[in-house]
Amino acid sequence: MLGIVGQASRRALIEKIVPANIARSMGMQLSEPITEAQALAQLKEIASHNQVLKSFISQGYYGTHTPTVILRNILENPAWYTAYTPYQAEISQGRMEALVNFQTMVCDLTAMPISE
């Protein structure tokens, strides 16, 4: 590939395309790699120092627990908003579809005609 772009090495290619005023003069000092589980543990440790505040938007706050399976497969599932293009319309459509699916599931589980 370097031959196709006319460069002798990766370093030569980088020097050609990265302006000197923003190029690193030394390599990055990175720590040893860790596993995903270790990274998550470190992030949880950092997050444990956050101060949890309540939101009173809409004049109410309800401290509910959302099961992880719903968070991952419904609310955090990137397929709802990245399946086609990154445009706002698709993101809004995906969120709306996720909410409709969740509300439908709540109606099915509770045998109620509607859910909020």
PDB file of N, CA and C in Angstrom:
ATOM      1  N   MET A   1       0.832  -1.193   0.000  1.00  0.00           N
ATOM      2  CA  MET A   1       0.000   0.000   0.000  1.00  0.00           C
ATOM      3  C   MET A   1       0.873   1.251   0.000  1.00  0.00           C
ATOM      4  N   LEU A   2       1.983   1.210   0.722  1.00  0.00           N
ATOM      5  CA  LEU A   2       2.868   2.383   0.743  1.00  0.00           C
ATOM      6  C   LEU A   2       3.384   2.693  -0.662  1.00  0.00           C
ATOM      7  N   GLY A   3       3.681   1.654  -1.427  1.00  0.00           N
ATOM      8  CA  GLY A   3       4.150   1.860  -2.794  1.00  0.00           C
ATOM      9  C   GLY A   3       3.106   2.547  -3.652  1.00  0.00           C
ATOM     10  N   ILE A   4       1.856   2.208  -3.430  1.00  0.00           N
ATOM     11  CA  ILE A   4       0.759   2.813  -4.207  1.00  0.00           C
ATOM     12  C   ILE A   4       0.684   4.311  -3.939  1.00  0.00           C
ATOM     13  N   VAL A   5       0.884   4.737  -2.674  1.00  0.00           N
ATOM     14  CA  VAL A   5       0.813   6.161  -2.343  1.00  0.00           C
ATOM     15  C   VAL A   5       2.152   6.855  -2.500  1.00  0.00           C
ATOM     16  N   GLY A   6       3.156   6.113  -2.912  1.00  0.00           N
ATOM     17  CA  GLY A   6       4.449   6.716  -3.218  1.00  0.00           C
ATOM     18  C   GLY A   6       5.317   7.036  -2.010  1.00  0.00           C
ATOM     19  N   GLN A   7       5.220   6.238  -0.953  1.00  0.00           N
ATOM     20  CA  GLN A   7       6.036   6.472   0.248  1.00  0.00           C
ATOM     21  C   GLN A   7       6.847   5.213   0.556  1.00  0.00           C
ATOM     22  N   ALA A   8       8.043   5.421   1.084  1.00  0.00           N
ATOM     23  CA  ALA A   8       8.940   4.304   1.367  1.00  0.00           C
ATOM     24  C   ALA A   8       8.612   3.598   2.671  1.00  0.00           C
ATOM     25  N   SER A   9       8.017   4.332   3.635  1.00  0.00           N
ATOM     26  CA  SER A   9       7.725   3.728   4.936  1.00  0.00           C
ATOM     27  C   SER A   9       6.506   4.418   5.549  1.00  0.00           C
ATOM     28  N   ARG A  10       6.019   3.792   6.603  1.00  0.00           N
ATOM     29  CA  ARG A  10       4.894   4.382   7.322  1.00  0.00           C
ATOM     30  C   ARG A  10       5.303   5.711   7.941  1.00  0.00           C
ATOM     31  N   ARG A  11       6.506   5.796   8.487  1.00  0.00           N
ATOM     32  CA  ARG A  11       7.016   7.029   9.072  1.00  0.00           C
ATOM     33  C   ARG A  11       7.048   8.132   8.027  1.00  0.00           C
ATOM     34  N   ALA A  12       7.524   7.813   6.793  1.00  0.00           N
ATOM     35  CA  ALA A  12       7.576   8.804   5.713  1.00  0.00           C
ATOM     36  C   ALA A  12       6.168   9.288   5.358  1.00  0.00           C
ATOM     37  N   LEU A  13       5.221   8.382   5.351  1.00  0.00           N
ATOM     38  CA  LEU A  13       3.834   8.748   5.046  1.00  0.00           C
ATOM     39  C   LEU A  13       3.293   9.695   6.114  1.00  0.00           C
ATOM     40  N   ILE A  14       3.539   9.359   7.383  1.00  0.00           N
ATOM     41  CA  ILE A  14       3.051  10.206   8.479  1.00  0.00           C
ATOM     42  C   ILE A  14       3.693  11.589   8.411  1.00  0.00           C
ATOM     43  N   GLU A  15       4.990  11.651   8.163  1.00  0.00           N
ATOM     44  CA  GLU A  15       5.674  12.944   8.064  1.00  0.00           C
ATOM     45  C   GLU A  15       5.144  13.761   6.893  1.00  0.00           C
ATOM     46  N   LYS A  16       4.676  13.092   5.864  1.00  0.00           N
ATOM     47  CA  LYS A  16       4.147  13.785   4.681  1.00  0.00           C
ATOM     48  C   LYS A  16       2.763  14.394   4.948  1.00  0.00           C
ATOM     49  N   ILE A  17       1.950  13.701   5.734  1.00  0.00           N
ATOM     50  CA  ILE A  17       0.563  14.153   5.884  1.00  0.00           C
ATOM     51  C   ILE A  17       0.260  14.866   7.202  1.00  0.00           C
ATOM     52  N   VAL A  18       1.061  14.651   8.253  1.00  0.00           N
ATOM     53  CA  VAL A  18       0.796  15.300   9.544  1.00  0.00           C
ATOM     54  C   VAL A  18       1.667  16.544   9.651  1.00  0.00           C
ATOM     55  N   PRO A  19       1.041  17.724   9.828  1.00  0.00           N
ATOM     56  CA  PRO A  19       1.827  18.953   9.958  1.00  0.00           C
ATOM     57  C   PRO A  19       2.811  18.873  11.129  1.00  0.00           C
ATOM     58  N   ALA A  20       3.992  19.406  10.953  1.00  0.00           N
ATOM     59  CA  ALA A  20       5.050  19.324  11.957  1.00  0.00           C
ATOM     60  C   ALA A  20       4.654  19.983  13.275  1.00  0.00           C
ATOM     61  N   ASN A  21       3.825  21.030  13.226  1.00  0.00           N
ATOM     62  CA  ASN A  21       3.471  21.732  14.468  1.00  0.00           C
ATOM     63  C   ASN A  21       2.502  20.944  15.355  1.00  0.00           C
ATOM     64  N   ILE A  22       1.895  19.868  14.812  1.00  0.00           N
ATOM     65  CA  ILE A  22       1.012  19.055  15.658  1.00  0.00           C
ATOM     66  C   ILE A  22       1.519  17.620  15.801  1.00  0.00           C
ATOM     67  N   ALA A  23       2.590  17.286  15.108  1.00  0.00           N
ATOM     68  CA  ALA A  23       3.131  15.926  15.191  1.00  0.00           C
ATOM     69  C   ALA A  23       3.813  15.707  16.534  1.00  0.00           C
ATOM     70  N   ARG A  24       3.719  14.509  17.054  1.00  0.00           N
ATOM     71  CA  ARG A  24       4.386  14.162  18.311  1.00  0.00           C
ATOM     72  C   ARG A  24       5.888  14.062  18.068  1.00  0.00           C
ATOM     73  N   SER A  25       6.647  14.577  19.015  1.00  0.00           N
ATOM     74  CA  SER A  25       8.097  14.471  18.900  1.00  0.00           C
ATOM     75  C   SER A  25       8.601  13.171  19.539  1.00  0.00           C
ATOM     76  N   MET A  26       7.798  12.616  20.464  1.00  0.00           N
ATOM     77  CA  MET A  26       8.155  11.359  21.133  1.00  0.00           C
ATOM     78  C   MET A  26       6.951  10.424  21.079  1.00  0.00           C
ATOM     79  N   GLY A  27       7.218   9.157  21.245  1.00  0.00           N
ATOM     80  CA  GLY A  27       6.132   8.186  21.311  1.00  0.00           C
ATOM     81  C   GLY A  27       5.306   8.367  22.569  1.00  0.00           C
ATOM     82  N   MET A  28       4.075   7.888  22.533  1.00  0.00           N
ATOM     83  CA  MET A  28       3.196   7.989  23.702  1.00  0.00           C
ATOM     84  C   MET A  28       3.641   7.001  24.771  1.00  0.00           C
ATOM     85  N   GLN A  29       3.563   7.424  26.022  1.00  0.00           N
ATOM     86  CA  GLN A  29       3.896   6.561  27.148  1.00  0.00           C
ATOM     87  C   GLN A  29       2.600   5.885  27.611  1.00  0.00           C
ATOM     88  N   LEU A  30       2.356   4.698  27.115  1.00  0.00           N
ATOM     89  CA  LEU A  30       1.125   3.988  27.435  1.00  0.00           C
ATOM     90  C   LEU A  30       1.392   2.930  28.492  1.00  0.00           C
ATOM     91  N   SER A  31       0.399   2.721  29.330  1.00  0.00           N
ATOM     92  CA  SER A  31       0.516   1.663  30.323  1.00  0.00           C
ATOM     93  C   SER A  31       0.321   0.308  29.647  1.00  0.00           C
ATOM     94  N   GLU A  32       0.582  -0.737  30.386  1.00  0.00           N
ATOM     95  CA  GLU A  32       0.418  -2.080  29.849  1.00  0.00           C
ATOM     96  C   GLU A  32      -1.058  -2.319  29.532  1.00  0.00           C
ATOM     97  N   PRO A  33      -1.355  -3.114  28.525  1.00  0.00           N
ATOM     98  CA  PRO A  33      -2.759  -3.388  28.200  1.00  0.00           C
ATOM     99  C   PRO A  33      -3.458  -4.144  29.327  1.00  0.00           C
ATOM    100  N   ILE A  34      -4.763  -3.920  29.447  1.00  0.00           N
ATOM    101  CA  ILE A  34      -5.553  -4.612  30.462  1.00  0.00           C
ATOM    102  C   ILE A  34      -6.759  -5.239  29.786  1.00  0.00           C
ATOM    103  N   THR A  35      -7.421  -6.130  30.495  1.00  0.00           N
ATOM    104  CA  THR A  35      -8.597  -6.796  29.945  1.00  0.00           C
ATOM    105  C   THR A  35      -9.809  -5.875  30.031  1.00  0.00           C
ATOM    106  N   GLU A  36     -10.859  -6.260  29.335  1.00  0.00           N
ATOM    107  CA  GLU A  36     -12.091  -5.483  29.381  1.00  0.00           C
ATOM    108  C   GLU A  36     -12.641  -5.434  30.807  1.00  0.00           C
ATOM    109  N   ALA A  37     -12.595  -6.557  31.499  1.00  0.00           N
ATOM    110  CA  ALA A  37     -13.095  -6.598  32.876  1.00  0.00           C
ATOM    111  C   ALA A  37     -12.295  -5.665  33.778  1.00  0.00           C
ATOM    112  N   GLN A  38     -10.971  -5.617  33.607  1.00  0.00           N
ATOM    113  CA  GLN A  38     -10.148  -4.712  34.407  1.00  0.00           C
ATOM    114  C   GLN A  38     -10.468  -3.258  34.075  1.00  0.00           C
ATOM    115  N   ALA A  39     -10.659  -2.966  32.778  1.00  0.00           N
ATOM    116  CA  ALA A  39     -10.999  -1.599  32.375  1.00  0.00           C
ATOM    117  C   ALA A  39     -12.337  -1.179  32.979  1.00  0.00           C
ATOM    118  N   LEU A  40     -13.327  -2.077  32.949  1.00  0.00           N
ATOM    119  CA  LEU A  40     -14.626  -1.757  33.540  1.00  0.00           C
ATOM    120  C   LEU A  40     -14.518  -1.533  35.041  1.00  0.00           C
ATOM    121  N   ALA A  41     -13.685  -2.324  35.714  1.00  0.00           N
ATOM    122  CA  ALA A  41     -13.487  -2.140  37.154  1.00  0.00           C
ATOM    123  C   ALA A  41     -12.864  -0.785  37.442  1.00  0.00           C
ATOM    124  N   GLN A  42     -11.883  -0.392  36.632  1.00  0.00           N
ATOM    125  CA  GLN A  42     -11.266   0.925  36.813  1.00  0.00           C
ATOM    126  C   GLN A  42     -12.276   2.043  36.567  1.00  0.00           C
ATOM    127  N   LEU A  43     -13.097   1.908  35.535  1.00  0.00           N
ATOM    128  CA  LEU A  43     -14.108   2.922  35.252  1.00  0.00           C
ATOM    129  C   LEU A  43     -15.139   3.010  36.377  1.00  0.00           C
ATOM    130  N   LYS A  44     -15.537   1.855  36.934  1.00  0.00           N
ATOM    131  CA  LYS A  44     -16.471   1.860  38.056  1.00  0.00           C
ATOM    132  C   LYS A  44     -15.862   2.551  39.270  1.00  0.00           C
ATOM    133  N   GLU A  45     -14.574   2.331  39.499  1.00  0.00           N
ATOM    134  CA  GLU A  45     -13.874   2.988  40.607  1.00  0.00           C
ATOM    135  C   GLU A  45     -13.885   4.498  40.415  1.00  0.00           C
ATOM    136  N   ILE A  46     -13.588   4.938  39.205  1.00  0.00           N
ATOM    137  CA  ILE A  46     -13.607   6.378  38.911  1.00  0.00           C
ATOM    138  C   ILE A  46     -15.020   6.931  39.082  1.00  0.00           C
ATOM    139  N   ALA A  47     -16.010   6.198  38.553  1.00  0.00           N
ATOM    140  CA  ALA A  47     -17.401   6.653  38.622  1.00  0.00           C
ATOM    141  C   ALA A  47     -17.926   6.679  40.049  1.00  0.00           C
ATOM    142  N   SER A  48     -17.351   5.865  40.930  1.00  0.00           N
ATOM    143  CA  SER A  48     -17.825   5.843  42.318  1.00  0.00           C
ATOM    144  C   SER A  48     -17.573   7.166  43.032  1.00  0.00           C
ATOM    145  N   HIS A  49     -16.728   7.998  42.476  1.00  0.00           N
ATOM    146  CA  HIS A  49     -16.457   9.308  43.078  1.00  0.00           C
ATOM    147  C   HIS A  49     -17.452  10.373  42.624  1.00  0.00           C
ATOM    148  N   ASN A  50     -18.333  10.029  41.682  1.00  0.00           N
ATOM    149  CA  ASN A  50     -19.340  10.982  41.213  1.00  0.00           C
ATOM    150  C   ASN A  50     -20.374  11.244  42.296  1.00  0.00           C
ATOM    151  N   GLN A  51     -20.924  12.432  42.272  1.00  0.00           N
ATOM    152  CA  GLN A  51     -21.996  12.770  43.194  1.00  0.00           C
ATOM    153  C   GLN A  51     -23.313  12.565  42.462  1.00  0.00           C
ATOM    154  N   VAL A  52     -24.174  11.696  42.994  1.00  0.00           N
ATOM    155  CA  VAL A  52     -25.447  11.394  42.355  1.00  0.00           C
ATOM    156  C   VAL A  52     -26.463  12.450  42.771  1.00  0.00           C
ATOM    157  N   LEU A  53     -27.042  13.121  41.796  1.00  0.00           N
ATOM    158  CA  LEU A  53     -28.037  14.154  42.047  1.00  0.00           C
ATOM    159  C   LEU A  53     -29.375  13.721  41.473  1.00  0.00           C
ATOM    160  N   LYS A  54     -30.441  14.237  42.011  1.00  0.00           N
ATOM    161  CA  LYS A  54     -31.773  13.931  41.504  1.00  0.00           C
ATOM    162  C   LYS A  54     -32.200  15.010  40.519  1.00  0.00           C
ATOM    163  N   SER A  55     -32.865  14.590  39.470  1.00  0.00           N
ATOM    164  CA  SER A  55     -33.412  15.524  38.491  1.00  0.00           C
ATOM    165  C   SER A  55     -34.875  15.759  38.819  1.00  0.00           C
ATOM    166  N   PHE A  56     -35.275  17.017  38.894  1.00  0.00           N
ATOM    167  CA  PHE A  56     -36.664  17.347  39.172  1.00  0.00           C
ATOM    168  C   PHE A  56     -37.353  17.918  37.941  1.00  0.00           C
ATOM    169  N   ILE A  57     -36.833  17.571  36.765  1.00  0.00           N
ATOM    170  CA  ILE A  57     -37.475  17.994  35.520  1.00  0.00           C
ATOM    171  C   ILE A  57     -38.878  17.397  35.485  1.00  0.00           C
ATOM    172  N   SER A  58     -39.845  18.165  35.057  1.00  0.00           N
ATOM    173  CA  SER A  58     -41.260  17.774  34.991  1.00  0.00           C
ATOM    174  C   SER A  58     -41.873  17.603  36.372  1.00  0.00           C
ATOM    175  N   GLN A  59     -41.278  18.223  37.372  1.00  0.00           N
ATOM    176  CA  GLN A  59     -41.824  18.256  38.733  1.00  0.00           C
ATOM    177  C   GLN A  59     -41.909  16.892  39.395  1.00  0.00           C
ATOM    178  N   GLY A  60     -41.114  15.957  38.968  1.00  0.00           N
ATOM    179  CA  GLY A  60     -41.165  14.655  39.625  1.00  0.00           C
ATOM    180  C   GLY A  60     -39.896  13.875  39.398  1.00  0.00           C
ATOM    181  N   TYR A  61     -39.605  13.019  40.328  1.00  0.00           N
ATOM    182  CA  TYR A  61     -38.456  12.128  40.190  1.00  0.00           C
ATOM    183  C   TYR A  61     -38.874  10.766  40.715  1.00  0.00           C
ATOM    184  N   TYR A  62     -38.614   9.749  39.926  1.00  0.00           N
ATOM    185  CA  TYR A  62     -38.964   8.404  40.324  1.00  0.00           C
ATOM    186  C   TYR A  62     -37.712   7.551  40.216  1.00  0.00           C
ATOM    187  N   GLY A  63     -37.147   7.144  41.331  1.00  0.00           N
ATOM    188  CA  GLY A  63     -35.934   6.343  41.354  1.00  0.00           C
ATOM    189  C   GLY A  63     -36.226   4.901  40.980  1.00  0.00           C
ATOM    190  N   THR A  64     -36.287   4.625  39.706  1.00  0.00           N
ATOM    191  CA  THR A  64     -36.617   3.279  39.249  1.00  0.00           C
ATOM    192  C   THR A  64     -35.360   2.523  38.851  1.00  0.00           C
ATOM    193  N   HIS A  65     -35.469   1.223  38.824  1.00  0.00           N
ATOM    194  CA  HIS A  65     -34.370   0.357  38.388  1.00  0.00           C
ATOM    195  C   HIS A  65     -34.745  -0.241  37.040  1.00  0.00           C
ATOM    196  N   THR A  66     -33.892  -0.065  36.057  1.00  0.00           N
ATOM    197  CA  THR A  66     -34.108  -0.673  34.751  1.00  0.00           C
ATOM    198  C   THR A  66     -33.176  -1.871  34.638  1.00  0.00           C
ATOM    199  N   PRO A  67     -33.725  -3.059  34.422  1.00  0.00           N
ATOM    200  CA  PRO A  67     -32.879  -4.246  34.321  1.00  0.00           C
ATOM    201  C   PRO A  67     -31.843  -4.108  33.204  1.00  0.00           C
ATOM    202  N   THR A  68     -30.670  -4.683  33.419  1.00  0.00           N
ATOM    203  CA  THR A  68     -29.567  -4.585  32.471  1.00  0.00           C
ATOM    204  C   THR A  68     -29.950  -5.106  31.101  1.00  0.00           C
ATOM    205  N   VAL A  69     -30.735  -6.172  31.058  1.00  0.00           N
ATOM    206  CA  VAL A  69     -31.112  -6.745  29.764  1.00  0.00           C
ATOM    207  C   VAL A  69     -31.921  -5.738  28.944  1.00  0.00           C
ATOM    208  N   ILE A  70     -32.729  -4.930  29.605  1.00  0.00           N
ATOM    209  CA  ILE A  70     -33.506  -3.902  28.890  1.00  0.00           C
ATOM    210  C   ILE A  70     -32.602  -2.748  28.502  1.00  0.00           C
ATOM    211  N   LEU A  71     -31.727  -2.331  29.410  1.00  0.00           N
ATOM    212  CA  LEU A  71     -30.788  -1.257  29.073  1.00  0.00           C
ATOM    213  C   LEU A  71     -29.994  -1.608  27.823  1.00  0.00           C
ATOM    214  N   ARG A  72     -29.402  -2.792  27.795  1.00  0.00           N
ATOM    215  CA  ARG A  72     -28.518  -3.173  26.695  1.00  0.00           C
ATOM    216  C   ARG A  72     -29.277  -3.432  25.407  1.00  0.00           C
ATOM    217  N   ASN A  73     -30.388  -4.147  25.479  1.00  0.00           N
ATOM    218  CA  ASN A  73     -31.067  -4.581  24.261  1.00  0.00           C
ATOM    219  C   ASN A  73     -32.106  -3.603  23.732  1.00  0.00           C
ATOM    220  N   ILE A  74     -32.539  -2.684  24.554  1.00  0.00           N
ATOM    221  CA  ILE A  74     -33.545  -1.714  24.103  1.00  0.00           C
ATOM    222  C   ILE A  74     -32.967  -0.303  24.104  1.00  0.00           C
ATOM    223  N   LEU A  75     -32.558   0.182  25.270  1.00  0.00           N
ATOM    224  CA  LEU A  75     -32.170   1.584  25.382  1.00  0.00           C
ATOM    225  C   LEU A  75     -30.769   1.868  24.872  1.00  0.00           C
ATOM    226  N   GLU A  76     -29.836   0.926  25.028  1.00  0.00           N
ATOM    227  CA  GLU A  76     -28.453   1.164  24.610  1.00  0.00           C
ATOM    228  C   GLU A  76     -28.085   0.443  23.329  1.00  0.00           C
ATOM    229  N   ASN A  77     -29.016  -0.189  22.679  1.00  0.00           N
ATOM    230  CA  ASN A  77     -28.733  -0.961  21.470  1.00  0.00           C
ATOM    231  C   ASN A  77     -28.455  -0.017  20.306  1.00  0.00           C
ATOM    232  N   PRO A  78     -27.218   0.020  19.804  1.00  0.00           N
ATOM    233  CA  PRO A  78     -26.897   0.952  18.731  1.00  0.00           C
ATOM    234  C   PRO A  78     -27.637   0.657  17.430  1.00  0.00           C
ATOM    235  N   ALA A  79     -28.186  -0.523  17.286  1.00  0.00           N
ATOM    236  CA  ALA A  79     -28.925  -0.843  16.061  1.00  0.00           C
ATOM    237  C   ALA A  79     -30.147   0.050  15.894  1.00  0.00           C
ATOM    238  N   TRP A  80     -30.659   0.590  16.994  1.00  0.00           N
ATOM    239  CA  TRP A  80     -31.830   1.461  16.890  1.00  0.00           C
ATOM    240  C   TRP A  80     -31.505   2.771  16.186  1.00  0.00           C
ATOM    241  N   TYR A  81     -30.245   3.194  16.239  1.00  0.00           N
ATOM    242  CA  TYR A  81     -29.944   4.484  15.627  1.00  0.00           C
ATOM    243  C   TYR A  81     -28.750   4.467  14.684  1.00  0.00           C
ATOM    244  N   THR A  82     -28.142   3.333  14.407  1.00  0.00           N
ATOM    245  CA  THR A  82     -27.017   3.311  13.477  1.00  0.00           C
ATOM    246  C   THR A  82     -27.217   2.326  12.335  1.00  0.00           C
ATOM    247  N   ALA A  83     -28.389   1.775  12.198  1.00  0.00           N
ATOM    248  CA  ALA A  83     -28.601   0.739  11.193  1.00  0.00           C
ATOM    249  C   ALA A  83     -28.436   1.261   9.768  1.00  0.00           C
ATOM    250  N   TYR A  84     -28.753   2.504   9.524  1.00  0.00           N
ATOM    251  CA  TYR A  84     -28.709   3.013   8.164  1.00  0.00           C
ATOM    252  C   TYR A  84     -27.674   4.120   8.000  1.00  0.00           C
ATOM    253  N   THR A  85     -27.982   5.286   8.505  1.00  0.00           N
ATOM    254  CA  THR A  85     -27.071   6.421   8.376  1.00  0.00           C
ATOM    255  C   THR A  85     -27.035   7.175   9.696  1.00  0.00           C
ATOM    256  N   PRO A  86     -26.020   7.998   9.914  1.00  0.00           N
ATOM    257  CA  PRO A  86     -25.931   8.714  11.188  1.00  0.00           C
ATOM    258  C   PRO A  86     -26.753  10.003  11.236  1.00  0.00           C
ATOM    259  N   TYR A  87     -27.725  10.145  10.354  1.00  0.00           N
ATOM    260  CA  TYR A  87     -28.510  11.382  10.337  1.00  0.00           C
ATOM    261  C   TYR A  87     -29.515  11.406  11.477  1.00  0.00           C
ATOM    262  N   GLN A  88     -29.885  12.590  11.883  1.00  0.00           N
ATOM    263  CA  GLN A  88     -30.774  12.778  13.022  1.00  0.00           C
ATOM    264  C   GLN A  88     -32.111  12.065  12.824  1.00  0.00           C
ATOM    265  N   ALA A  89     -32.642  12.070  11.620  1.00  0.00           N
ATOM    266  CA  ALA A  89     -33.950  11.440  11.401  1.00  0.00           C
ATOM    267  C   ALA A  89     -33.926   9.972  11.792  1.00  0.00           C
ATOM    268  N   GLU A  90     -32.876   9.245  11.421  1.00  0.00           N
ATOM    269  CA  GLU A  90     -32.799   7.830  11.746  1.00  0.00           C
ATOM    270  C   GLU A  90     -32.607   7.619  13.249  1.00  0.00           C
ATOM    271  N   ILE A  91     -31.844   8.510  13.878  1.00  0.00           N
ATOM    272  CA  ILE A  91     -31.656   8.393  15.323  1.00  0.00           C
ATOM    273  C   ILE A  91     -32.997   8.569  16.029  1.00  0.00           C
ATOM    274  N   SER A  92     -33.756   9.590  15.638  1.00  0.00           N
ATOM    275  CA  SER A  92     -35.067   9.833  16.244  1.00  0.00           C
ATOM    276  C   SER A  92     -36.006   8.664  15.982  1.00  0.00           C
ATOM    277  N   GLN A  93     -35.986   8.135  14.763  1.00  0.00           N
ATOM    278  CA  GLN A  93     -36.852   7.004  14.421  1.00  0.00           C
ATOM    279  C   GLN A  93     -36.487   5.786  15.268  1.00  0.00           C
ATOM    280  N   GLY A  94     -35.189   5.542  15.432  1.00  0.00           N
ATOM    281  CA  GLY A  94     -34.760   4.398  16.235  1.00  0.00           C
ATOM    282  C   GLY A  94     -35.158   4.533  17.687  1.00  0.00           C
ATOM    283  N   ARG A  95     -35.010   5.732  18.229  1.00  0.00           N
ATOM    284  CA  ARG A  95     -35.413   5.950  19.618  1.00  0.00           C
ATOM    285  C   ARG A  95     -36.914   5.752  19.783  1.00  0.00           C
ATOM    286  N   MET A  96     -37.676   6.277  18.826  1.00  0.00           N
ATOM    287  CA  MET A  96     -39.126   6.134  18.894  1.00  0.00           C
ATOM    288  C   MET A  96     -39.509   4.653  18.818  1.00  0.00           C
ATOM    289  N   GLU A  97     -38.875   3.912  17.926  1.00  0.00           N
ATOM    290  CA  GLU A  97     -39.172   2.490  17.802  1.00  0.00           C
ATOM    291  C   GLU A  97     -38.816   1.743  19.083  1.00  0.00           C
ATOM    292  N   ALA A  98     -37.698   2.099  19.691  1.00  0.00           N
ATOM    293  CA  ALA A  98     -37.296   1.455  20.946  1.00  0.00           C
ATOM    294  C   ALA A  98     -38.325   1.731  22.042  1.00  0.00           C
ATOM    295  N   LEU A  99     -38.802   2.971  22.119  1.00  0.00           N
ATOM    296  CA  LEU A  99     -39.799   3.314  23.131  1.00  0.00           C
ATOM    297  C   LEU A  99     -41.118   2.589  22.893  1.00  0.00           C
ATOM    298  N   VAL A 100     -41.537   2.500  21.632  1.00  0.00           N
ATOM    299  CA  VAL A 100     -42.780   1.795  21.302  1.00  0.00           C
ATOM    300  C   VAL A 100     -42.645   0.322  21.678  1.00  0.00           C
ATOM    301  N   ASN A 101     -41.505  -0.282  21.346  1.00  0.00           N
ATOM    302  CA  ASN A 101     -41.295  -1.692  21.696  1.00  0.00           C
ATOM    303  C   ASN A 101     -41.309  -1.894  23.208  1.00  0.00           C
ATOM    304  N   PHE A 102     -40.672  -0.979  23.937  1.00  0.00           N
ATOM    305  CA  PHE A 102     -40.646  -1.094  25.397  1.00  0.00           C
ATOM    306  C   PHE A 102     -42.050  -0.941  25.973  1.00  0.00           C
ATOM    307  N   GLN A 103     -42.783   0.063  25.502  1.00  0.00           N
ATOM    308  CA  GLN A 103     -44.135   0.278  26.012  1.00  0.00           C
ATOM    309  C   GLN A 103     -45.051  -0.895  25.671  1.00  0.00           C
ATOM    310  N   THR A 104     -44.884  -1.463  24.496  1.00  0.00           N
ATOM    311  CA  THR A 104     -45.667  -2.630  24.118  1.00  0.00           C
ATOM    312  C   THR A 104     -45.362  -3.802  25.045  1.00  0.00           C
ATOM    313  N   MET A 105     -44.085  -3.995  25.368  1.00  0.00           N
ATOM    314  CA  MET A 105     -43.694  -5.063  26.277  1.00  0.00           C
ATOM    315  C   MET A 105     -44.305  -4.835  27.664  1.00  0.00           C
ATOM    316  N   VAL A 106     -44.279  -3.582  28.149  1.00  0.00           N
ATOM    317  CA  VAL A 106     -44.870  -3.275  29.448  1.00  0.00           C
ATOM    318  C   VAL A 106     -46.368  -3.580  29.425  1.00  0.00           C
ATOM    319  N   CYS A 107     -47.047  -3.218  28.341  1.00  0.00           N
ATOM    320  CA  CYS A 107     -48.481  -3.521  28.222  1.00  0.00           C
ATOM    321  C   CYS A 107     -48.715  -5.028  28.237  1.00  0.00           C
ATOM    322  N   ASP A 108     -47.873  -5.763  27.518  1.00  0.00           N
ATOM    323  CA  ASP A 108     -48.023  -7.227  27.499  1.00  0.00           C
ATOM    324  C   ASP A 108     -47.798  -7.817  28.888  1.00  0.00           C
ATOM    325  N   LEU A 109     -46.788  -7.318  29.616  1.00  0.00           N
ATOM    326  CA  LEU A 109     -46.479  -7.866  30.932  1.00  0.00           C
ATOM    327  C   LEU A 109     -47.513  -7.510  31.994  1.00  0.00           C
ATOM    328  N   THR A 110     -48.107  -6.327  31.864  1.00  0.00           N
ATOM    329  CA  THR A 110     -49.047  -5.865  32.891  1.00  0.00           C
ATOM    330  C   THR A 110     -50.518  -6.080  32.508  1.00  0.00           C
ATOM    331  N   ALA A 111     -50.762  -6.497  31.263  1.00  0.00           N
ATOM    332  CA  ALA A 111     -52.138  -6.690  30.749  1.00  0.00           C
ATOM    333  C   ALA A 111     -52.930  -5.399  30.814  1.00  0.00           C
ATOM    334  N   MET A 112     -52.251  -4.271  30.688  1.00  0.00           N
ATOM    335  CA  MET A 112     -52.926  -2.975  30.678  1.00  0.00           C
ATOM    336  C   MET A 112     -52.996  -2.477  29.242  1.00  0.00           C
ATOM    337  N   PRO A 113     -53.974  -1.649  28.907  1.00  0.00           N
ATOM    338  CA  PRO A 113     -54.132  -1.198  27.528  1.00  0.00           C
ATOM    339  C   PRO A 113     -53.096  -0.172  27.080  1.00  0.00           C
ATOM    340  N   ILE A 114     -52.540   0.603  28.032  1.00  0.00           N
ATOM    341  CA  ILE A 114     -51.521   1.608  27.692  1.00  0.00           C
ATOM    342  C   ILE A 114     -50.446   1.636  28.764  1.00  0.00           C
ATOM    343  N   SER A 115     -49.319   2.240  28.418  1.00  0.00           N
ATOM    344  CA  SER A 115     -48.245   2.437  29.404  1.00  0.00           C
ATOM    345  C   SER A 115     -47.658   3.825  29.193  1.00  0.00           C
ATOM    346  N   GLU A 116     -47.028   4.356  30.239  1.00  0.00           N
ATOM    347  CA  GLU A 116     -46.413   5.668  30.136  1.00  0.00           C
ATOM    348  C   GLU A 116     -44.922   5.534  30.065  1.00  0.00           C
TER     349      GLU A 116
END
